[in-house]
């Protein structure tokens, strides 16, 4: 019973997180790319913290809840653990991308430290990393659903 509840919570939070990340990639990034550098930095000064305040707790929940679920599945020795393991792996991969790329890139945006002429390439790189991260989030979500279906 507890595993089913944890799996439902994990699936739900991963789905919400994935949807929010897709919206960010499909709506925000193209808008950012269209802005002149000065306007981008002004916008980021105003809304960067708000975006962070929205995504940080969501990212943490979308990481912790599935990893707790995977840990619990190991503790009780589920019969078909493959999708549980894959959920954990993809969760760790999407979360680690923050430390591998996004933490520094987001700080550079906040500090307005990227020269204006290099900003379009930096936003493009950010967008590419974002969509790569979404692939891992999608895989975690799908594996979580498949794990739920094996119960």
N, C-alpha and C. Protein backbone atom coordinates (compact mmCIF):
# COMPACT_ATOMS: atom_id res chain seq x y z
N UNK A 1 0.82 -1.20 0.00
CA UNK A 1 0.00 0.00 0.00
C UNK A 1 0.86 1.27 0.00
N UNK A 2 1.87 1.30 0.87
CA UNK A 2 2.73 2.47 0.94
C UNK A 2 3.46 2.69 -0.38
N UNK A 3 3.93 1.61 -0.99
CA UNK A 3 4.64 1.75 -2.27
C UNK A 3 3.72 2.33 -3.34
N UNK A 4 2.48 1.91 -3.37
CA UNK A 4 1.53 2.44 -4.35
C UNK A 4 1.31 3.94 -4.15
N UNK A 5 1.21 4.36 -2.91
CA UNK A 5 1.03 5.78 -2.61
C UNK A 5 2.26 6.57 -3.04
N UNK A 6 3.44 6.06 -2.69
CA UNK A 6 4.68 6.73 -3.10
C UNK A 6 4.82 6.79 -4.62
N UNK A 7 4.43 5.71 -5.28
CA UNK A 7 4.51 5.69 -6.74
C UNK A 7 3.55 6.70 -7.36
N UNK A 8 2.35 6.80 -6.81
CA UNK A 8 1.38 7.78 -7.32
C UNK A 8 1.89 9.20 -7.10
N UNK A 9 2.46 9.47 -5.93
CA UNK A 9 3.04 10.79 -5.66
C UNK A 9 4.20 11.08 -6.60
N UNK A 10 5.07 10.10 -6.79
CA UNK A 10 6.22 10.27 -7.68
C UNK A 10 5.78 10.55 -9.10
N UNK A 11 4.83 9.78 -9.58
CA UNK A 11 4.33 9.98 -10.94
C UNK A 11 3.70 11.36 -11.08
N UNK A 12 2.91 11.74 -10.11
CA UNK A 12 2.26 13.05 -10.16
C UNK A 12 3.25 14.21 -10.17
N UNK A 13 4.22 14.19 -9.26
CA UNK A 13 5.16 15.30 -9.18
C UNK A 13 6.07 15.33 -10.40
N UNK A 14 6.46 14.16 -10.90
CA UNK A 14 7.27 14.14 -12.13
C UNK A 14 6.48 14.68 -13.31
N UNK A 15 5.20 14.37 -13.38
CA UNK A 15 4.36 14.88 -14.46
C UNK A 15 4.19 16.39 -14.39
N UNK A 16 3.96 16.91 -13.19
CA UNK A 16 3.83 18.36 -13.01
C UNK A 16 5.14 19.05 -13.37
N UNK A 17 6.25 18.51 -12.89
CA UNK A 17 7.57 19.09 -13.15
C UNK A 17 7.87 19.06 -14.65
N UNK A 18 7.62 17.93 -15.28
CA UNK A 18 7.86 17.81 -16.72
C UNK A 18 7.04 18.83 -17.50
N UNK A 19 5.77 18.97 -17.16
CA UNK A 19 4.92 19.94 -17.83
C UNK A 19 5.42 21.37 -17.66
N UNK A 20 5.83 21.70 -16.46
CA UNK A 20 6.36 23.05 -16.20
C UNK A 20 7.65 23.30 -16.97
N UNK A 21 8.50 22.29 -17.05
CA UNK A 21 9.76 22.42 -17.77
C UNK A 21 9.52 22.56 -19.28
N UNK A 22 8.57 21.82 -19.80
CA UNK A 22 8.23 21.94 -21.23
C UNK A 22 7.69 23.34 -21.51
N UNK A 23 6.84 23.84 -20.62
CA UNK A 23 6.31 25.20 -20.79
C UNK A 23 7.44 26.22 -20.78
N UNK A 24 8.39 26.06 -19.88
CA UNK A 24 9.52 26.99 -19.83
C UNK A 24 10.31 26.94 -21.13
N UNK A 25 10.58 25.74 -21.62
CA UNK A 25 11.34 25.60 -22.85
C UNK A 25 10.61 26.09 -24.08
N UNK A 26 9.30 25.88 -24.11
CA UNK A 26 8.52 26.26 -25.29
C UNK A 26 8.07 27.71 -25.28
N UNK A 27 7.93 28.31 -24.10
CA UNK A 27 7.43 29.68 -24.00
C UNK A 27 8.50 30.70 -23.63
N UNK A 28 9.24 30.42 -22.56
CA UNK A 28 10.21 31.40 -22.09
C UNK A 28 11.42 31.51 -23.01
N UNK A 29 12.03 30.38 -23.35
CA UNK A 29 13.29 30.42 -24.09
C UNK A 29 13.14 31.13 -25.44
N UNK A 30 12.11 30.83 -26.24
CA UNK A 30 11.98 31.58 -27.50
C UNK A 30 11.79 33.08 -27.27
N UNK A 31 11.08 33.43 -26.21
CA UNK A 31 10.90 34.85 -25.88
C UNK A 31 12.24 35.48 -25.51
N UNK A 32 13.01 34.79 -24.67
CA UNK A 32 14.32 35.30 -24.27
C UNK A 32 15.22 35.50 -25.49
N UNK A 33 15.15 34.57 -26.43
CA UNK A 33 15.99 34.65 -27.62
C UNK A 33 15.63 35.88 -28.47
N UNK A 34 14.39 36.29 -28.42
CA UNK A 34 13.92 37.41 -29.24
C UNK A 34 14.25 38.77 -28.64
N UNK A 35 14.64 38.79 -27.38
CA UNK A 35 14.90 40.07 -26.71
C UNK A 35 16.31 40.57 -26.98
N UNK A 36 16.47 41.88 -27.12
CA UNK A 36 17.82 42.44 -27.11
C UNK A 36 18.46 42.17 -25.75
N UNK A 37 19.78 42.10 -25.71
CA UNK A 37 20.50 41.73 -24.49
C UNK A 37 20.13 42.60 -23.30
N UNK A 38 20.07 43.91 -23.51
CA UNK A 38 19.76 44.81 -22.39
C UNK A 38 18.38 44.50 -21.81
N UNK A 39 17.41 44.27 -22.68
CA UNK A 39 16.06 43.94 -22.20
C UNK A 39 16.03 42.59 -21.51
N UNK A 40 16.80 41.62 -22.02
CA UNK A 40 16.85 40.31 -21.37
C UNK A 40 17.36 40.45 -19.94
N UNK A 41 18.46 41.19 -19.78
CA UNK A 41 19.03 41.36 -18.44
C UNK A 41 18.08 42.11 -17.51
N UNK A 42 17.37 43.10 -18.02
CA UNK A 42 16.40 43.82 -17.20
C UNK A 42 15.25 42.90 -16.80
N UNK A 43 14.78 42.10 -17.74
CA UNK A 43 13.72 41.15 -17.46
C UNK A 43 14.19 40.11 -16.43
N UNK A 44 15.40 39.64 -16.62
CA UNK A 44 15.93 38.63 -15.70
C UNK A 44 16.09 39.20 -14.30
N UNK A 45 16.47 40.45 -14.20
CA UNK A 45 16.61 41.10 -12.89
C UNK A 45 15.27 41.11 -12.17
N UNK A 46 14.20 41.33 -12.93
CA UNK A 46 12.86 41.40 -12.34
C UNK A 46 12.28 40.02 -12.07
N UNK A 47 12.41 39.09 -13.04
CA UNK A 47 11.71 37.82 -12.95
C UNK A 47 12.58 36.60 -12.67
N UNK A 48 13.89 36.75 -12.74
CA UNK A 48 14.78 35.61 -12.51
C UNK A 48 14.56 34.95 -11.16
N UNK A 49 14.46 35.76 -10.11
CA UNK A 49 14.25 35.21 -8.77
C UNK A 49 12.88 34.54 -8.66
N UNK A 50 11.89 35.09 -9.31
CA UNK A 50 10.55 34.50 -9.25
C UNK A 50 10.52 33.15 -9.97
N UNK A 51 11.21 33.07 -11.09
CA UNK A 51 11.29 31.80 -11.81
C UNK A 51 12.00 30.77 -10.92
N UNK A 52 13.09 31.20 -10.30
CA UNK A 52 13.83 30.31 -9.40
C UNK A 52 12.95 29.86 -8.23
N UNK A 53 12.22 30.80 -7.63
CA UNK A 53 11.36 30.47 -6.49
C UNK A 53 10.24 29.50 -6.88
N UNK A 54 9.86 29.51 -8.14
CA UNK A 54 8.86 28.55 -8.61
C UNK A 54 9.50 27.18 -8.86
N UNK A 55 10.62 27.19 -9.59
CA UNK A 55 11.20 25.92 -10.02
C UNK A 55 12.03 25.21 -8.96
N UNK A 56 12.65 25.92 -8.05
CA UNK A 56 13.51 25.26 -7.06
C UNK A 56 12.74 24.26 -6.19
N UNK A 57 11.63 24.64 -5.57
CA UNK A 57 10.90 23.65 -4.76
C UNK A 57 10.34 22.51 -5.61
N UNK A 58 9.89 22.85 -6.80
CA UNK A 58 9.35 21.82 -7.69
C UNK A 58 10.44 20.82 -8.08
N UNK A 59 11.62 21.32 -8.39
CA UNK A 59 12.75 20.45 -8.74
C UNK A 59 13.13 19.57 -7.56
N UNK A 60 13.16 20.14 -6.38
CA UNK A 60 13.53 19.37 -5.19
C UNK A 60 12.51 18.27 -4.92
N UNK A 61 11.23 18.62 -5.00
CA UNK A 61 10.19 17.60 -4.79
C UNK A 61 10.23 16.52 -5.87
N UNK A 62 10.47 16.93 -7.12
CA UNK A 62 10.51 15.97 -8.23
C UNK A 62 11.76 15.10 -8.17
N UNK A 63 12.69 15.46 -7.32
CA UNK A 63 13.88 14.63 -7.11
C UNK A 63 13.72 13.77 -5.87
N UNK A 64 13.34 14.39 -4.77
CA UNK A 64 13.30 13.68 -3.48
C UNK A 64 12.22 12.60 -3.44
N UNK A 65 11.03 12.93 -3.88
CA UNK A 65 9.93 11.96 -3.77
C UNK A 65 10.21 10.70 -4.60
N UNK A 66 10.61 10.82 -5.88
CA UNK A 66 10.94 9.60 -6.62
C UNK A 66 12.13 8.83 -6.02
N UNK A 67 13.14 9.54 -5.52
CA UNK A 67 14.29 8.82 -4.94
C UNK A 67 13.92 8.12 -3.64
N UNK A 68 13.05 8.72 -2.85
CA UNK A 68 12.54 8.03 -1.65
C UNK A 68 11.77 6.78 -2.08
N UNK A 69 10.97 6.92 -3.12
CA UNK A 69 10.18 5.79 -3.62
C UNK A 69 11.09 4.67 -4.10
N UNK A 70 12.13 5.02 -4.86
CA UNK A 70 13.07 4.02 -5.34
C UNK A 70 13.78 3.36 -4.16
N UNK A 71 14.20 4.16 -3.19
CA UNK A 71 14.84 3.60 -1.99
C UNK A 71 13.92 2.64 -1.26
N UNK A 72 12.68 3.01 -1.12
CA UNK A 72 11.72 2.12 -0.45
C UNK A 72 11.52 0.84 -1.25
N UNK A 73 11.48 0.96 -2.58
CA UNK A 73 11.30 -0.25 -3.41
C UNK A 73 12.48 -1.21 -3.24
N UNK A 74 13.68 -0.66 -3.02
CA UNK A 74 14.85 -1.50 -2.76
C UNK A 74 14.73 -2.17 -1.39
N UNK A 75 14.23 -1.42 -0.44
CA UNK A 75 14.08 -1.91 0.93
C UNK A 75 13.12 -3.09 1.00
N UNK A 76 12.05 -3.03 0.24
CA UNK A 76 11.04 -4.10 0.31
C UNK A 76 11.23 -5.16 -0.78
N UNK A 77 12.26 -5.00 -1.61
CA UNK A 77 12.56 -5.97 -2.66
C UNK A 77 11.39 -6.21 -3.62
N UNK A 78 11.04 -5.19 -4.38
CA UNK A 78 9.97 -5.36 -5.36
C UNK A 78 10.37 -6.44 -6.36
N UNK A 79 9.37 -7.09 -6.95
CA UNK A 79 9.64 -8.22 -7.84
C UNK A 79 10.27 -7.80 -9.17
N UNK A 80 9.83 -6.70 -9.74
CA UNK A 80 10.37 -6.23 -11.03
C UNK A 80 10.99 -4.85 -10.84
N UNK A 81 12.25 -4.81 -10.39
CA UNK A 81 12.82 -3.52 -10.00
C UNK A 81 13.37 -2.66 -11.15
N UNK A 82 13.43 -3.17 -12.37
CA UNK A 82 14.10 -2.45 -13.46
C UNK A 82 13.57 -1.03 -13.62
N UNK A 83 12.27 -0.82 -13.71
CA UNK A 83 11.73 0.51 -13.93
C UNK A 83 11.91 1.42 -12.71
N UNK A 84 11.97 0.83 -11.54
CA UNK A 84 12.28 1.62 -10.34
C UNK A 84 13.71 2.15 -10.43
N UNK A 85 14.65 1.25 -10.79
CA UNK A 85 16.05 1.66 -10.92
C UNK A 85 16.20 2.73 -11.99
N UNK A 86 15.53 2.55 -13.12
CA UNK A 86 15.64 3.53 -14.20
C UNK A 86 15.03 4.87 -13.80
N UNK A 87 13.94 4.83 -13.06
CA UNK A 87 13.37 6.08 -12.55
C UNK A 87 14.40 6.82 -11.70
N UNK A 88 15.06 6.10 -10.83
CA UNK A 88 16.09 6.70 -9.99
C UNK A 88 17.25 7.24 -10.80
N UNK A 89 17.70 6.48 -11.79
CA UNK A 89 18.82 6.91 -12.62
C UNK A 89 18.49 8.20 -13.37
N UNK A 90 17.35 8.23 -14.04
CA UNK A 90 16.97 9.42 -14.81
C UNK A 90 16.69 10.62 -13.91
N UNK A 91 16.19 10.36 -12.72
CA UNK A 91 15.97 11.44 -11.75
C UNK A 91 17.31 12.06 -11.35
N UNK A 92 18.28 11.22 -11.06
CA UNK A 92 19.61 11.71 -10.69
C UNK A 92 20.23 12.48 -11.87
N UNK A 93 20.03 11.99 -13.08
CA UNK A 93 20.59 12.67 -14.25
C UNK A 93 19.98 14.06 -14.45
N UNK A 94 18.65 14.18 -14.35
CA UNK A 94 18.09 15.52 -14.56
C UNK A 94 18.48 16.45 -13.42
N UNK A 95 18.53 15.94 -12.21
CA UNK A 95 18.90 16.79 -11.09
C UNK A 95 20.36 17.24 -11.17
N UNK A 96 21.24 16.34 -11.58
CA UNK A 96 22.66 16.69 -11.65
C UNK A 96 22.95 17.75 -12.71
N UNK A 97 22.08 17.87 -13.70
CA UNK A 97 22.30 18.89 -14.74
C UNK A 97 22.31 20.30 -14.14
N UNK A 98 21.62 20.49 -13.04
CA UNK A 98 21.64 21.79 -12.38
C UNK A 98 23.06 22.15 -11.97
N UNK A 99 23.75 21.20 -11.37
CA UNK A 99 25.10 21.46 -10.89
C UNK A 99 26.13 21.44 -12.02
N UNK A 100 25.85 20.66 -13.05
CA UNK A 100 26.78 20.59 -14.17
C UNK A 100 26.73 21.82 -15.07
N UNK A 101 25.56 22.44 -15.16
CA UNK A 101 25.43 23.57 -16.08
C UNK A 101 24.60 24.74 -15.54
N UNK A 102 23.40 24.47 -15.11
CA UNK A 102 22.42 25.54 -14.86
C UNK A 102 22.80 26.48 -13.72
N UNK A 103 23.42 25.98 -12.69
CA UNK A 103 23.77 26.84 -11.55
C UNK A 103 24.67 27.99 -12.02
N UNK A 104 25.72 27.67 -12.75
CA UNK A 104 26.64 28.69 -13.23
C UNK A 104 25.98 29.58 -14.28
N UNK A 105 25.28 28.98 -15.23
CA UNK A 105 24.65 29.75 -16.30
C UNK A 105 23.61 30.72 -15.73
N UNK A 106 22.79 30.25 -14.82
CA UNK A 106 21.76 31.11 -14.22
C UNK A 106 22.40 32.27 -13.44
N UNK A 107 23.51 31.98 -12.77
CA UNK A 107 24.20 33.05 -12.03
C UNK A 107 24.78 34.08 -13.00
N UNK A 108 25.29 33.63 -14.14
CA UNK A 108 25.80 34.57 -15.14
C UNK A 108 24.68 35.45 -15.68
N UNK A 109 23.50 34.89 -15.87
CA UNK A 109 22.36 35.70 -16.30
C UNK A 109 22.01 36.70 -15.20
N UNK A 110 21.98 36.25 -13.95
CA UNK A 110 21.63 37.13 -12.84
C UNK A 110 22.64 38.26 -12.67
N UNK A 111 23.90 37.95 -12.90
CA UNK A 111 24.96 38.95 -12.77
C UNK A 111 25.12 39.82 -14.01
N UNK A 112 24.40 39.47 -15.07
CA UNK A 112 24.55 40.15 -16.37
C UNK A 112 26.02 40.18 -16.79
N UNK A 113 26.70 39.06 -16.58
CA UNK A 113 28.14 39.01 -16.82
C UNK A 113 28.52 38.49 -18.21
N UNK A 114 27.55 38.10 -18.98
CA UNK A 114 27.84 37.64 -20.34
C UNK A 114 27.76 38.86 -21.26
N UNK A 115 28.80 39.11 -22.04
CA UNK A 115 28.76 40.27 -22.94
C UNK A 115 27.55 40.21 -23.88
N UNK A 116 27.02 41.38 -24.19
CA UNK A 116 25.81 41.46 -25.01
C UNK A 116 25.92 40.66 -26.30
N UNK A 117 27.06 40.72 -26.95
CA UNK A 117 27.20 40.02 -28.23
C UNK A 117 27.27 38.49 -28.07
N UNK A 118 27.58 38.01 -26.88
CA UNK A 118 27.65 36.57 -26.63
C UNK A 118 26.36 36.02 -26.00
N UNK A 119 25.47 36.90 -25.61
CA UNK A 119 24.26 36.46 -24.92
C UNK A 119 23.35 35.58 -25.77
N UNK A 120 23.12 35.89 -27.06
CA UNK A 120 22.26 34.99 -27.85
C UNK A 120 22.78 33.55 -27.88
N UNK A 121 24.08 33.37 -28.02
CA UNK A 121 24.65 32.02 -28.02
C UNK A 121 24.48 31.37 -26.64
N UNK A 122 24.65 32.16 -25.57
CA UNK A 122 24.50 31.63 -24.22
C UNK A 122 23.06 31.18 -23.96
N UNK A 123 22.10 31.97 -24.41
CA UNK A 123 20.69 31.59 -24.25
C UNK A 123 20.39 30.35 -25.08
N UNK A 124 20.94 30.28 -26.26
CA UNK A 124 20.75 29.10 -27.10
C UNK A 124 21.32 27.85 -26.43
N UNK A 125 22.52 27.97 -25.87
CA UNK A 125 23.13 26.86 -25.15
C UNK A 125 22.27 26.47 -23.95
N UNK A 126 21.79 27.47 -23.22
CA UNK A 126 20.91 27.21 -22.08
C UNK A 126 19.69 26.42 -22.54
N UNK A 127 19.09 26.86 -23.65
CA UNK A 127 17.91 26.18 -24.17
C UNK A 127 18.21 24.73 -24.57
N UNK A 128 19.36 24.51 -25.18
CA UNK A 128 19.73 23.14 -25.57
C UNK A 128 19.91 22.25 -24.35
N UNK A 129 20.57 22.75 -23.32
CA UNK A 129 20.72 22.00 -22.07
C UNK A 129 19.35 21.74 -21.44
N UNK A 130 18.49 22.73 -21.53
CA UNK A 130 17.15 22.59 -20.94
C UNK A 130 16.39 21.45 -21.62
N UNK A 131 16.42 21.42 -22.94
CA UNK A 131 15.70 20.34 -23.64
C UNK A 131 16.36 18.99 -23.39
N UNK A 132 17.68 18.98 -23.25
CA UNK A 132 18.35 17.73 -22.87
C UNK A 132 17.91 17.25 -21.50
N UNK A 133 17.76 18.18 -20.60
CA UNK A 133 17.28 17.86 -19.25
C UNK A 133 15.86 17.32 -19.31
N UNK A 134 15.06 17.90 -20.17
CA UNK A 134 13.67 17.45 -20.32
C UNK A 134 13.62 15.99 -20.80
N UNK A 135 14.57 15.58 -21.62
CA UNK A 135 14.62 14.18 -22.05
C UNK A 135 14.76 13.27 -20.83
N UNK A 136 15.67 13.62 -19.91
CA UNK A 136 15.83 12.81 -18.70
C UNK A 136 14.58 12.85 -17.82
N UNK A 137 13.95 14.01 -17.74
CA UNK A 137 12.72 14.12 -16.96
C UNK A 137 11.61 13.27 -17.56
N UNK A 138 11.51 13.30 -18.89
CA UNK A 138 10.51 12.48 -19.57
C UNK A 138 10.77 10.99 -19.32
N UNK A 139 12.03 10.59 -19.42
CA UNK A 139 12.37 9.18 -19.19
C UNK A 139 12.07 8.78 -17.75
N UNK A 140 12.36 9.65 -16.79
CA UNK A 140 12.03 9.36 -15.40
C UNK A 140 10.52 9.20 -15.23
N UNK A 141 9.77 10.09 -15.86
CA UNK A 141 8.30 10.05 -15.77
C UNK A 141 7.75 8.76 -16.39
N UNK A 142 8.22 8.41 -17.58
CA UNK A 142 7.75 7.19 -18.25
C UNK A 142 8.11 5.95 -17.43
N UNK A 143 9.36 5.88 -16.95
CA UNK A 143 9.77 4.73 -16.13
C UNK A 143 8.96 4.65 -14.85
N UNK A 144 8.62 5.80 -14.28
CA UNK A 144 7.81 5.82 -13.07
C UNK A 144 6.41 5.25 -13.36
N UNK A 145 5.84 5.64 -14.48
CA UNK A 145 4.53 5.08 -14.87
C UNK A 145 4.64 3.58 -15.08
N UNK A 146 5.69 3.14 -15.77
CA UNK A 146 5.86 1.70 -16.02
C UNK A 146 6.08 0.94 -14.72
N UNK A 147 6.83 1.54 -13.79
CA UNK A 147 7.01 0.90 -12.48
C UNK A 147 5.68 0.79 -11.75
N UNK A 148 4.89 1.83 -11.83
CA UNK A 148 3.57 1.83 -11.19
C UNK A 148 2.70 0.73 -11.79
N UNK A 149 2.80 0.54 -13.08
CA UNK A 149 1.99 -0.49 -13.74
C UNK A 149 2.44 -1.91 -13.41
N UNK A 150 3.69 -2.06 -12.94
CA UNK A 150 4.16 -3.41 -12.58
C UNK A 150 3.70 -3.85 -11.20
N UNK A 151 3.14 -2.92 -10.44
CA UNK A 151 2.71 -3.28 -9.07
C UNK A 151 1.45 -4.11 -9.08
